[in-house]
Amino acid sequence: QVQLVESGGGSVQVGGSLRLSCAASGYRYGSDYMAWFRQLPGKEREGVACVYISGASPYVADSVKGRFTISLSNTKNTLYLQMNNLKPEDTDMYYCAAARTFGDFVRNQATYWGQGTQVTVSS
């Protein structure tokens, strides 16, 4: 019952920045861990970042640690992923998602998914 709509993707040069946004609406039915995943066809899904709906315990994967930051708007209805110092390997389709547990996130699982937004990083 949760609708997730991503925006903010695009093409940037290496070292550039983007901020992805995810507008969330509807009842989460306990899926209170808001997350970003990335995946392209033929690639494994990777959990990029996760935060509890209260804003507590923000987490980012080692692959993006120090470069990406996950956060929520004050009203908790928008999820952000600030991406700095982008690298070519960050090129992917990024998906906003809502997971029931942090463990689900770690297992690259979620209950609700957005449609994805493309991020392309070029040299």
N, C-alpha and C. Protein backbone atom coordinates (compact mmCIF):
# COMPACT_ATOMS: atom_id res chain seq x y z
N GLN A 1 0.81 -1.21 0.00
CA GLN A 1 0.00 0.00 0.00
C GLN A 1 0.84 1.26 0.00
N VAL A 2 2.14 1.10 -0.04
CA VAL A 2 3.05 2.24 -0.06
C VAL A 2 3.44 2.54 -1.50
N GLN A 3 3.32 3.78 -1.86
CA GLN A 3 3.77 4.23 -3.16
C GLN A 3 5.08 4.99 -2.99
N LEU A 4 6.06 4.60 -3.75
CA LEU A 4 7.37 5.21 -3.69
C LEU A 4 7.74 5.71 -5.07
N VAL A 5 8.07 6.97 -5.16
CA VAL A 5 8.38 7.59 -6.44
C VAL A 5 9.73 8.27 -6.34
N GLU A 6 10.69 7.77 -7.10
CA GLU A 6 12.04 8.32 -7.08
C GLU A 6 12.18 9.45 -8.09
N SER A 7 13.11 10.33 -7.81
CA SER A 7 13.48 11.38 -8.73
C SER A 7 14.90 11.82 -8.41
N GLY A 8 15.48 12.58 -9.30
CA GLY A 8 16.79 13.15 -9.06
C GLY A 8 17.93 12.47 -9.77
N GLY A 9 17.66 11.37 -10.44
CA GLY A 9 18.71 10.71 -11.19
C GLY A 9 19.12 11.52 -12.40
N GLY A 10 20.23 11.11 -12.98
CA GLY A 10 20.73 11.80 -14.14
C GLY A 10 22.14 11.39 -14.45
N SER A 11 22.78 12.15 -15.29
CA SER A 11 24.15 11.88 -15.71
C SER A 11 25.08 12.94 -15.14
N VAL A 12 26.17 12.48 -14.55
CA VAL A 12 27.17 13.37 -13.99
C VAL A 12 28.55 12.85 -14.33
N GLN A 13 29.52 13.72 -14.22
CA GLN A 13 30.90 13.32 -14.40
C GLN A 13 31.47 12.75 -13.10
N VAL A 14 32.53 11.99 -13.25
CA VAL A 14 33.22 11.45 -12.09
C VAL A 14 33.54 12.57 -11.11
N GLY A 15 33.25 12.32 -9.84
CA GLY A 15 33.50 13.31 -8.82
C GLY A 15 32.34 14.24 -8.57
N GLY A 16 31.32 14.15 -9.39
CA GLY A 16 30.16 14.99 -9.24
C GLY A 16 29.22 14.48 -8.17
N SER A 17 28.12 15.18 -8.01
CA SER A 17 27.15 14.87 -6.97
C SER A 17 25.74 14.84 -7.53
N LEU A 18 24.92 14.04 -6.91
CA LEU A 18 23.49 13.99 -7.18
C LEU A 18 22.77 13.78 -5.86
N ARG A 19 21.55 14.24 -5.80
CA ARG A 19 20.69 13.92 -4.67
C ARG A 19 19.42 13.27 -5.18
N LEU A 20 19.24 12.02 -4.82
CA LEU A 20 18.04 11.30 -5.17
C LEU A 20 16.97 11.56 -4.12
N SER A 21 15.74 11.65 -4.57
CA SER A 21 14.62 11.83 -3.67
C SER A 21 13.61 10.72 -3.90
N CYS A 22 12.93 10.35 -2.85
CA CYS A 22 11.88 9.35 -2.92
C CYS A 22 10.69 9.86 -2.15
N ALA A 23 9.62 10.15 -2.84
CA ALA A 23 8.39 10.60 -2.21
C ALA A 23 7.57 9.39 -1.82
N ALA A 24 7.25 9.28 -0.55
CA ALA A 24 6.54 8.12 -0.03
C ALA A 24 5.13 8.52 0.39
N SER A 25 4.19 7.66 0.08
CA SER A 25 2.82 7.87 0.50
C SER A 25 2.17 6.53 0.80
N GLY A 26 1.12 6.56 1.59
CA GLY A 26 0.43 5.33 1.93
C GLY A 26 0.94 4.71 3.22
N TYR A 27 0.22 3.75 3.71
CA TYR A 27 0.58 3.07 4.95
C TYR A 27 1.63 2.01 4.69
N ARG A 28 2.64 1.98 5.52
CA ARG A 28 3.78 1.09 5.30
C ARG A 28 3.54 -0.34 5.77
N TYR A 29 2.52 -0.57 6.57
CA TYR A 29 2.23 -1.90 7.11
C TYR A 29 3.46 -2.50 7.77
N GLY A 30 4.13 -1.71 8.56
CA GLY A 30 5.28 -2.18 9.30
C GLY A 30 6.59 -2.16 8.54
N SER A 31 6.57 -1.76 7.31
CA SER A 31 7.81 -1.67 6.53
C SER A 31 8.43 -0.31 6.78
N ASP A 32 9.06 -0.19 7.91
CA ASP A 32 9.51 1.10 8.43
C ASP A 32 10.99 1.37 8.21
N TYR A 33 11.65 0.49 7.49
CA TYR A 33 13.05 0.72 7.14
C TYR A 33 13.10 1.19 5.70
N MET A 34 13.39 2.45 5.54
CA MET A 34 13.44 3.05 4.22
C MET A 34 14.84 2.88 3.66
N ALA A 35 14.92 2.50 2.41
CA ALA A 35 16.21 2.08 1.88
C ALA A 35 16.37 2.46 0.42
N TRP A 36 17.61 2.48 0.01
CA TRP A 36 17.98 2.60 -1.39
C TRP A 36 18.74 1.35 -1.81
N PHE A 37 18.32 0.78 -2.92
CA PHE A 37 19.02 -0.31 -3.56
C PHE A 37 19.45 0.14 -4.95
N ARG A 38 20.39 -0.58 -5.50
CA ARG A 38 20.75 -0.34 -6.89
C ARG A 38 20.95 -1.67 -7.60
N GLN A 39 20.54 -1.69 -8.85
CA GLN A 39 20.61 -2.93 -9.62
C GLN A 39 20.41 -2.64 -11.10
N LEU A 40 21.20 -3.28 -11.91
CA LEU A 40 21.01 -3.31 -13.35
C LEU A 40 20.85 -4.76 -13.78
N PRO A 41 20.20 -4.99 -14.92
CA PRO A 41 20.09 -6.36 -15.42
C PRO A 41 21.45 -7.03 -15.51
N GLY A 42 21.52 -8.25 -15.00
CA GLY A 42 22.77 -8.98 -15.00
C GLY A 42 23.65 -8.71 -13.80
N LYS A 43 23.28 -7.76 -12.96
CA LYS A 43 24.04 -7.46 -11.76
C LYS A 43 23.24 -7.87 -10.53
N GLU A 44 23.95 -8.17 -9.47
CA GLU A 44 23.29 -8.46 -8.21
C GLU A 44 22.75 -7.18 -7.60
N ARG A 45 21.64 -7.31 -6.92
CA ARG A 45 21.09 -6.19 -6.21
C ARG A 45 21.98 -5.84 -5.03
N GLU A 46 22.17 -4.57 -4.81
CA GLU A 46 23.01 -4.11 -3.72
C GLU A 46 22.22 -3.13 -2.86
N GLY A 47 22.19 -3.40 -1.58
CA GLY A 47 21.61 -2.46 -0.65
C GLY A 47 22.58 -1.32 -0.40
N VAL A 48 22.20 -0.13 -0.79
CA VAL A 48 23.08 1.02 -0.72
C VAL A 48 23.01 1.71 0.63
N ALA A 49 21.81 1.93 1.12
CA ALA A 49 21.64 2.68 2.36
C ALA A 49 20.27 2.38 2.95
N CYS A 50 20.16 2.60 4.24
CA CYS A 50 18.91 2.30 4.94
C CYS A 50 18.80 3.20 6.16
N VAL A 51 17.59 3.58 6.49
CA VAL A 51 17.34 4.37 7.69
C VAL A 51 15.95 4.03 8.22
N TYR A 52 15.83 3.98 9.53
CA TYR A 52 14.53 3.76 10.13
C TYR A 52 13.67 5.01 9.93
N ILE A 53 12.38 4.83 9.86
CA ILE A 53 11.48 5.91 9.51
C ILE A 53 11.57 7.08 10.48
N SER A 54 12.00 6.83 11.69
CA SER A 54 12.19 7.90 12.66
C SER A 54 13.42 8.76 12.35
N GLY A 55 14.26 8.26 11.46
CA GLY A 55 15.51 8.91 11.17
C GLY A 55 16.68 8.30 11.92
N ALA A 56 16.39 7.37 12.80
CA ALA A 56 17.43 6.74 13.59
C ALA A 56 18.23 5.74 12.77
N SER A 57 19.44 5.53 13.19
CA SER A 57 20.31 4.47 12.67
C SER A 57 20.52 4.51 11.17
N PRO A 58 20.90 5.64 10.62
CA PRO A 58 21.22 5.64 9.19
C PRO A 58 22.41 4.75 8.90
N TYR A 59 22.32 4.03 7.82
CA TYR A 59 23.35 3.07 7.45
C TYR A 59 23.65 3.22 5.97
N VAL A 60 24.91 3.12 5.64
CA VAL A 60 25.31 3.07 4.24
C VAL A 60 26.27 1.91 4.05
N ALA A 61 26.21 1.32 2.88
CA ALA A 61 27.07 0.19 2.57
C ALA A 61 28.53 0.62 2.48
N ASP A 62 29.41 -0.33 2.73
CA ASP A 62 30.83 -0.03 2.67
C ASP A 62 31.25 0.54 1.32
N SER A 63 30.59 0.09 0.27
CA SER A 63 30.96 0.52 -1.06
C SER A 63 30.74 2.01 -1.30
N VAL A 64 29.87 2.61 -0.50
CA VAL A 64 29.57 4.03 -0.68
C VAL A 64 29.83 4.84 0.58
N LYS A 65 30.35 4.21 1.60
CA LYS A 65 30.59 4.89 2.86
C LYS A 65 31.55 6.06 2.66
N GLY A 66 31.20 7.16 3.28
CA GLY A 66 32.00 8.36 3.14
C GLY A 66 31.62 9.21 1.95
N ARG A 67 30.81 8.67 1.06
CA ARG A 67 30.39 9.39 -0.13
C ARG A 67 28.89 9.62 -0.19
N PHE A 68 28.12 8.65 0.28
CA PHE A 68 26.67 8.73 0.24
C PHE A 68 26.12 8.95 1.64
N THR A 69 25.01 9.67 1.71
CA THR A 69 24.32 9.90 2.97
C THR A 69 22.83 9.71 2.76
N ILE A 70 22.21 8.94 3.63
CA ILE A 70 20.77 8.75 3.57
C ILE A 70 20.12 9.60 4.65
N SER A 71 18.98 10.17 4.34
CA SER A 71 18.28 11.01 5.29
C SER A 71 16.81 11.08 4.94
N LEU A 72 16.04 11.61 5.86
CA LEU A 72 14.61 11.80 5.68
C LEU A 72 14.27 13.27 5.85
N SER A 73 13.22 13.69 5.18
CA SER A 73 12.71 15.03 5.41
C SER A 73 12.13 15.11 6.81
N ASN A 74 11.94 16.34 7.28
CA ASN A 74 11.40 16.52 8.63
C ASN A 74 10.02 15.88 8.78
N THR A 75 9.25 15.88 7.72
CA THR A 75 7.92 15.28 7.76
C THR A 75 7.94 13.78 7.51
N LYS A 76 9.10 13.23 7.23
CA LYS A 76 9.31 11.79 7.03
C LYS A 76 8.66 11.24 5.78
N ASN A 77 8.20 12.11 4.92
CA ASN A 77 7.54 11.64 3.71
C ASN A 77 8.44 11.66 2.48
N THR A 78 9.68 12.05 2.66
CA THR A 78 10.62 12.04 1.56
C THR A 78 11.94 11.46 2.03
N LEU A 79 12.43 10.50 1.29
CA LEU A 79 13.71 9.88 1.56
C LEU A 79 14.73 10.43 0.58
N TYR A 80 15.91 10.74 1.08
CA TYR A 80 16.96 11.29 0.25
C TYR A 80 18.18 10.38 0.23
N LEU A 81 18.89 10.44 -0.85
CA LEU A 81 20.21 9.86 -0.94
C LEU A 81 21.13 10.89 -1.56
N GLN A 82 21.96 11.50 -0.72
CA GLN A 82 22.94 12.44 -1.20
C GLN A 82 24.17 11.66 -1.65
N MET A 83 24.54 11.80 -2.89
CA MET A 83 25.64 11.06 -3.47
C MET A 83 26.72 12.05 -3.90
N ASN A 84 27.85 11.96 -3.25
CA ASN A 84 28.98 12.82 -3.55
C ASN A 84 30.15 11.99 -4.07
N ASN A 85 31.06 12.68 -4.73
CA ASN A 85 32.25 12.02 -5.27
C ASN A 85 31.89 10.76 -6.04
N LEU A 86 30.99 10.91 -6.97
CA LEU A 86 30.48 9.76 -7.71
C LEU A 86 31.56 9.13 -8.57
N LYS A 87 31.48 7.82 -8.68
CA LYS A 87 32.42 7.03 -9.45
C LYS A 87 31.69 6.29 -10.56
N PRO A 88 32.40 5.89 -11.61
CA PRO A 88 31.73 5.14 -12.68
C PRO A 88 31.00 3.90 -12.18
N GLU A 89 31.56 3.24 -11.18
CA GLU A 89 30.91 2.04 -10.66
C GLU A 89 29.61 2.33 -9.92
N ASP A 90 29.32 3.60 -9.68
CA ASP A 90 28.04 3.96 -9.10
C ASP A 90 26.93 3.99 -10.13
N THR A 91 27.28 3.89 -11.39
CA THR A 91 26.28 3.86 -12.45
C THR A 91 25.35 2.68 -12.24
N ASP A 92 24.07 2.96 -12.16
CA ASP A 92 23.12 1.91 -11.86
C ASP A 92 21.71 2.49 -11.90
N MET A 93 20.75 1.60 -11.79
CA MET A 93 19.39 2.01 -11.52
C MET A 93 19.19 1.97 -10.02
N TYR A 94 18.75 3.07 -9.46
CA TYR A 94 18.58 3.18 -8.02
C TYR A 94 17.10 3.10 -7.68
N TYR A 95 16.80 2.27 -6.71
CA TYR A 95 15.43 2.03 -6.30
C TYR A 95 15.21 2.42 -4.85
N CYS A 96 14.18 3.16 -4.61
CA CYS A 96 13.71 3.41 -3.27
C CYS A 96 12.87 2.22 -2.82
N ALA A 97 12.97 1.85 -1.56
CA ALA A 97 12.25 0.69 -1.07
C ALA A 97 11.92 0.84 0.40
N ALA A 98 10.94 0.08 0.84
CA ALA A 98 10.56 0.01 2.25
C ALA A 98 10.64 -1.45 2.68
N ALA A 99 11.44 -1.72 3.69
CA ALA A 99 11.65 -3.07 4.18
C ALA A 99 11.10 -3.22 5.58
N ARG A 100 10.75 -4.43 5.94
CA ARG A 100 10.17 -4.69 7.26
C ARG A 100 11.22 -4.70 8.36
N THR A 101 12.41 -5.13 8.03
CA THR A 101 13.48 -5.22 9.01
C THR A 101 14.79 -4.82 8.37
N PHE A 102 15.74 -4.47 9.21
CA PHE A 102 17.07 -4.21 8.70
C PHE A 102 17.67 -5.47 8.10
N GLY A 103 17.33 -6.62 8.69
CA GLY A 103 17.79 -7.88 8.14
C GLY A 103 17.32 -8.09 6.72
N ASP A 104 16.08 -7.73 6.44
CA ASP A 104 15.59 -7.82 5.07
C ASP A 104 16.43 -6.95 4.15
N PHE A 105 16.74 -5.75 4.59
CA PHE A 105 17.57 -4.87 3.79
C PHE A 105 18.92 -5.52 3.50
N VAL A 106 19.54 -6.07 4.53
CA VAL A 106 20.83 -6.71 4.36
C VAL A 106 20.75 -7.86 3.36
N ARG A 107 19.61 -8.54 3.34
CA ARG A 107 19.40 -9.63 2.39
C ARG A 107 18.89 -9.14 1.04
N ASN A 108 18.93 -7.84 0.84
CA ASN A 108 18.50 -7.23 -0.43
C ASN A 108 17.04 -7.51 -0.73
N GLN A 109 16.24 -7.47 0.32
CA GLN A 109 14.81 -7.68 0.20
C GLN A 109 14.05 -6.47 0.70
N ALA A 110 12.89 -6.27 0.16
CA ALA A 110 12.02 -5.19 0.60
C ALA A 110 10.59 -5.54 0.25
N THR A 111 9.67 -4.88 0.92
CA THR A 111 8.25 -5.13 0.69
C THR A 111 7.69 -4.26 -0.42
N TYR A 112 8.12 -3.02 -0.45
CA TYR A 112 7.64 -2.07 -1.44
C TYR A 112 8.81 -1.49 -2.20
N TRP A 113 8.58 -1.24 -3.47
CA TRP A 113 9.62 -0.75 -4.36
C TRP A 113 9.12 0.40 -5.21
N GLY A 114 10.01 1.34 -5.43
CA GLY A 114 9.74 2.37 -6.41
C GLY A 114 10.09 1.89 -7.80
N GLN A 115 9.88 2.75 -8.76
CA GLN A 115 10.11 2.37 -10.15
C GLN A 115 11.56 2.50 -10.57
N GLY A 116 12.35 3.19 -9.79
CA GLY A 116 13.76 3.35 -10.08
C GLY A 116 14.08 4.65 -10.78
N THR A 117 15.29 5.11 -10.57
CA THR A 117 15.80 6.28 -11.27
C THR A 117 17.24 6.00 -11.67
N GLN A 118 17.57 6.36 -12.89
CA GLN A 118 18.87 6.02 -13.46
C GLN A 118 19.93 7.02 -13.04
N VAL A 119 21.07 6.50 -12.63
CA VAL A 119 22.25 7.31 -12.35
C VAL A 119 23.37 6.85 -13.25
N THR A 120 23.93 7.77 -13.99
CA THR A 120 25.03 7.46 -14.89
C THR A 120 26.20 8.37 -14.56
N VAL A 121 27.35 7.77 -14.31
CA VAL A 121 28.56 8.51 -13.98
C VAL A 121 29.59 8.23 -15.05
N SER A 122 30.05 9.26 -15.70
CA SER A 122 30.98 9.11 -16.80
C SER A 122 32.25 9.91 -16.56
N SER A 123 33.32 9.47 -17.22
CA SER A 123 34.59 10.16 -17.11
C SER A 123 34.70 11.27 -18.14
